């Protein structure tokens, strides 16, 4: 995954860099560096971002968030 794709996914989700970092459970500074291209995007971040994109495109993101907020995992 490249920086442009990562930024595009974040924008599709309608979140800030800080919000995306929270969704991906990584440090805000690290996420910012991924988008800037000053740090390589780890494969687990790329996979998680693609998963979030899939959930968003299929209108499942809210259900996913609700599920984990209830602690049903």
N, C-alpha and C. Protein backbone atom coordinates (compact mmCIF):
# COMPACT_ATOMS: atom_id res chain seq x y z
N UNK A 1 0.86 -1.17 0.00
CA UNK A 1 0.00 0.00 0.00
C UNK A 1 0.90 1.23 0.00
N UNK A 2 0.49 2.24 -0.76
CA UNK A 2 1.25 3.49 -0.78
C UNK A 2 0.56 4.57 0.05
N UNK A 3 1.24 5.68 0.21
CA UNK A 3 0.73 6.76 1.06
C UNK A 3 -0.57 7.35 0.51
N UNK A 4 -0.69 7.45 -0.79
CA UNK A 4 -1.88 8.01 -1.42
C UNK A 4 -3.10 7.15 -1.12
N UNK A 5 -2.95 5.85 -1.21
CA UNK A 5 -4.05 4.92 -0.94
C UNK A 5 -4.46 4.99 0.52
N UNK A 6 -3.48 5.05 1.41
CA UNK A 6 -3.79 5.13 2.83
C UNK A 6 -4.57 6.40 3.14
N UNK A 7 -4.12 7.52 2.59
CA UNK A 7 -4.81 8.80 2.81
C UNK A 7 -6.21 8.77 2.21
N UNK A 8 -6.36 8.15 1.04
CA UNK A 8 -7.67 8.06 0.38
C UNK A 8 -8.65 7.26 1.23
N UNK A 9 -8.19 6.16 1.80
CA UNK A 9 -9.06 5.35 2.66
C UNK A 9 -9.50 6.18 3.87
N UNK A 10 -8.56 6.90 4.47
CA UNK A 10 -8.90 7.74 5.63
C UNK A 10 -9.96 8.76 5.25
N UNK A 11 -9.81 9.38 4.10
CA UNK A 11 -10.76 10.39 3.66
C UNK A 11 -12.12 9.77 3.36
N UNK A 12 -12.14 8.56 2.80
CA UNK A 12 -13.41 7.85 2.56
C UNK A 12 -14.14 7.61 3.88
N UNK A 13 -13.37 7.31 4.91
CA UNK A 13 -13.96 7.05 6.22
C UNK A 13 -14.42 8.34 6.90
N UNK A 14 -13.90 9.47 6.41
CA UNK A 14 -14.29 10.75 6.97
C UNK A 14 -13.70 11.04 8.34
N UNK A 15 -12.47 10.57 8.56
CA UNK A 15 -11.82 10.79 9.85
C UNK A 15 -10.51 11.55 9.65
N UNK A 16 -10.06 12.16 10.74
CA UNK A 16 -8.79 12.86 10.74
C UNK A 16 -7.66 11.83 10.85
N UNK A 17 -6.43 12.31 10.72
CA UNK A 17 -5.30 11.40 10.92
C UNK A 17 -5.32 10.83 12.34
N UNK A 18 -5.68 11.66 13.29
CA UNK A 18 -5.76 11.19 14.67
C UNK A 18 -6.86 10.12 14.83
N UNK A 19 -7.99 10.35 14.17
CA UNK A 19 -9.08 9.38 14.21
C UNK A 19 -8.70 8.06 13.56
N UNK A 20 -7.98 8.14 12.45
CA UNK A 20 -7.55 6.93 11.76
C UNK A 20 -6.55 6.17 12.63
N UNK A 21 -5.65 6.90 13.28
CA UNK A 21 -4.69 6.25 14.17
C UNK A 21 -5.42 5.51 15.29
N UNK A 22 -6.47 6.12 15.80
CA UNK A 22 -7.25 5.47 16.85
C UNK A 22 -7.92 4.21 16.33
N UNK A 23 -8.51 4.30 15.14
CA UNK A 23 -9.15 3.12 14.54
C UNK A 23 -8.15 1.99 14.31
N UNK A 24 -6.93 2.36 13.92
CA UNK A 24 -5.89 1.37 13.64
C UNK A 24 -5.10 0.97 14.88
N UNK A 25 -5.40 1.62 16.01
CA UNK A 25 -4.71 1.34 17.27
C UNK A 25 -3.20 1.53 17.13
N UNK A 26 -2.82 2.67 16.55
CA UNK A 26 -1.41 3.01 16.47
C UNK A 26 -1.23 4.46 16.93
N UNK A 27 -0.02 4.86 17.18
CA UNK A 27 0.26 6.22 17.62
C UNK A 27 -0.04 7.21 16.50
N UNK A 28 -0.59 8.35 16.87
CA UNK A 28 -0.92 9.39 15.89
C UNK A 28 0.33 9.81 15.10
N UNK A 29 1.45 9.97 15.79
CA UNK A 29 2.69 10.38 15.13
C UNK A 29 3.12 9.33 14.10
N UNK A 30 3.00 8.07 14.45
CA UNK A 30 3.35 7.00 13.50
C UNK A 30 2.45 7.05 12.28
N UNK A 31 1.15 7.19 12.52
CA UNK A 31 0.22 7.24 11.39
C UNK A 31 0.55 8.41 10.48
N UNK A 32 0.81 9.56 11.05
CA UNK A 32 1.15 10.75 10.25
C UNK A 32 2.38 10.47 9.38
N UNK A 33 3.36 9.78 9.94
CA UNK A 33 4.57 9.44 9.19
C UNK A 33 4.27 8.45 8.06
N UNK A 34 3.32 7.55 8.27
CA UNK A 34 2.93 6.63 7.20
C UNK A 34 2.38 7.42 6.02
N UNK A 35 1.49 8.37 6.31
CA UNK A 35 0.90 9.17 5.23
C UNK A 35 1.91 10.09 4.56
N UNK A 36 2.86 10.59 5.33
CA UNK A 36 3.88 11.46 4.76
C UNK A 36 4.92 10.69 3.95
N UNK A 37 4.99 9.39 4.21
CA UNK A 37 5.97 8.57 3.50
C UNK A 37 7.34 8.57 4.15
N UNK A 38 7.43 9.11 5.36
CA UNK A 38 8.71 9.12 6.07
C UNK A 38 8.92 7.84 6.87
N UNK A 39 7.90 7.00 6.90
CA UNK A 39 7.99 5.70 7.57
C UNK A 39 7.22 4.70 6.72
N UNK A 40 7.80 3.52 6.54
CA UNK A 40 7.13 2.48 5.76
C UNK A 40 5.82 2.08 6.44
N UNK A 41 4.81 1.79 5.64
CA UNK A 41 3.53 1.34 6.15
C UNK A 41 3.62 -0.16 6.44
N UNK A 42 3.50 -0.55 7.71
CA UNK A 42 3.57 -1.97 8.03
C UNK A 42 2.40 -2.73 7.39
N UNK A 43 2.63 -3.98 7.08
CA UNK A 43 1.58 -4.77 6.43
C UNK A 43 0.32 -4.87 7.28
N UNK A 44 0.45 -4.94 8.59
CA UNK A 44 -0.74 -5.05 9.44
C UNK A 44 -1.56 -3.76 9.40
N UNK A 45 -0.92 -2.61 9.22
CA UNK A 45 -1.65 -1.35 9.09
C UNK A 45 -2.37 -1.32 7.75
N UNK A 46 -1.71 -1.77 6.69
CA UNK A 46 -2.33 -1.80 5.37
C UNK A 46 -3.55 -2.72 5.36
N UNK A 47 -3.41 -3.89 5.96
CA UNK A 47 -4.53 -4.85 6.00
C UNK A 47 -5.68 -4.29 6.84
N UNK A 48 -5.37 -3.69 7.97
CA UNK A 48 -6.41 -3.12 8.82
C UNK A 48 -7.12 -1.97 8.13
N UNK A 49 -6.37 -1.13 7.40
CA UNK A 49 -6.98 -0.01 6.67
C UNK A 49 -7.92 -0.54 5.58
N UNK A 50 -7.50 -1.58 4.87
CA UNK A 50 -8.35 -2.19 3.84
C UNK A 50 -9.60 -2.80 4.46
N UNK A 51 -9.46 -3.39 5.64
CA UNK A 51 -10.62 -3.95 6.33
C UNK A 51 -11.61 -2.84 6.69
N UNK A 52 -11.10 -1.74 7.22
CA UNK A 52 -11.96 -0.60 7.56
C UNK A 52 -12.66 -0.06 6.31
N UNK A 53 -11.94 -0.02 5.20
CA UNK A 53 -12.53 0.44 3.94
C UNK A 53 -13.67 -0.49 3.52
N UNK A 54 -13.44 -1.79 3.61
CA UNK A 54 -14.47 -2.78 3.27
C UNK A 54 -15.70 -2.60 4.15
N UNK A 55 -15.48 -2.48 5.45
CA UNK A 55 -16.60 -2.31 6.38
C UNK A 55 -17.38 -1.03 6.06
N UNK A 56 -16.66 0.03 5.74
CA UNK A 56 -17.31 1.30 5.41
C UNK A 56 -18.11 1.19 4.11
N UNK A 57 -17.51 0.61 3.07
CA UNK A 57 -18.19 0.48 1.77
C UNK A 57 -19.45 -0.36 1.87
N UNK A 58 -19.45 -1.31 2.77
CA UNK A 58 -20.60 -2.21 2.92
C UNK A 58 -21.51 -1.80 4.07
N UNK A 59 -21.33 -0.57 4.52
CA UNK A 59 -22.16 0.01 5.58
C UNK A 59 -22.18 -0.84 6.85
N UNK A 60 -21.03 -1.40 7.18
CA UNK A 60 -20.92 -2.26 8.35
C UNK A 60 -20.08 -1.66 9.46
N UNK A 61 -19.47 -0.51 9.20
CA UNK A 61 -18.54 0.06 10.18
C UNK A 61 -19.22 0.40 11.50
N UNK A 62 -20.39 0.99 11.45
CA UNK A 62 -21.11 1.34 12.69
C UNK A 62 -21.46 0.08 13.48
N UNK A 63 -21.88 -0.97 12.78
CA UNK A 63 -22.23 -2.22 13.46
C UNK A 63 -21.00 -2.83 14.11
N UNK A 64 -19.88 -2.75 13.40
CA UNK A 64 -18.61 -3.27 13.90
C UNK A 64 -18.21 -2.52 15.18
N UNK A 65 -18.30 -1.19 15.15
CA UNK A 65 -17.95 -0.38 16.31
C UNK A 65 -18.87 -0.71 17.50
N UNK A 66 -20.15 -0.82 17.23
CA UNK A 66 -21.13 -1.13 18.28
C UNK A 66 -20.83 -2.49 18.91
N UNK A 67 -20.52 -3.45 18.08
CA UNK A 67 -20.21 -4.80 18.53
C UNK A 67 -19.06 -4.79 19.53
N UNK A 68 -17.97 -4.07 19.20
CA UNK A 68 -16.82 -4.07 20.08
C UNK A 68 -16.98 -3.16 21.29
N UNK A 69 -17.80 -2.14 21.19
CA UNK A 69 -18.07 -1.29 22.35
C UNK A 69 -18.83 -2.06 23.41
N UNK A 70 -19.66 -3.01 22.99
CA UNK A 70 -20.44 -3.83 23.92
C UNK A 70 -19.57 -4.91 24.55
N UNK A 71 -18.39 -5.13 24.00
CA UNK A 71 -17.49 -6.15 24.55
C UNK A 71 -17.90 -7.55 24.21
N UNK A 72 -18.50 -7.72 23.05
CA UNK A 72 -18.97 -9.05 22.65
C UNK A 72 -17.94 -9.82 21.84
N UNK A 73 -16.72 -9.45 21.90
CA UNK A 73 -15.70 -10.13 21.12
C UNK A 73 -15.26 -11.33 21.87
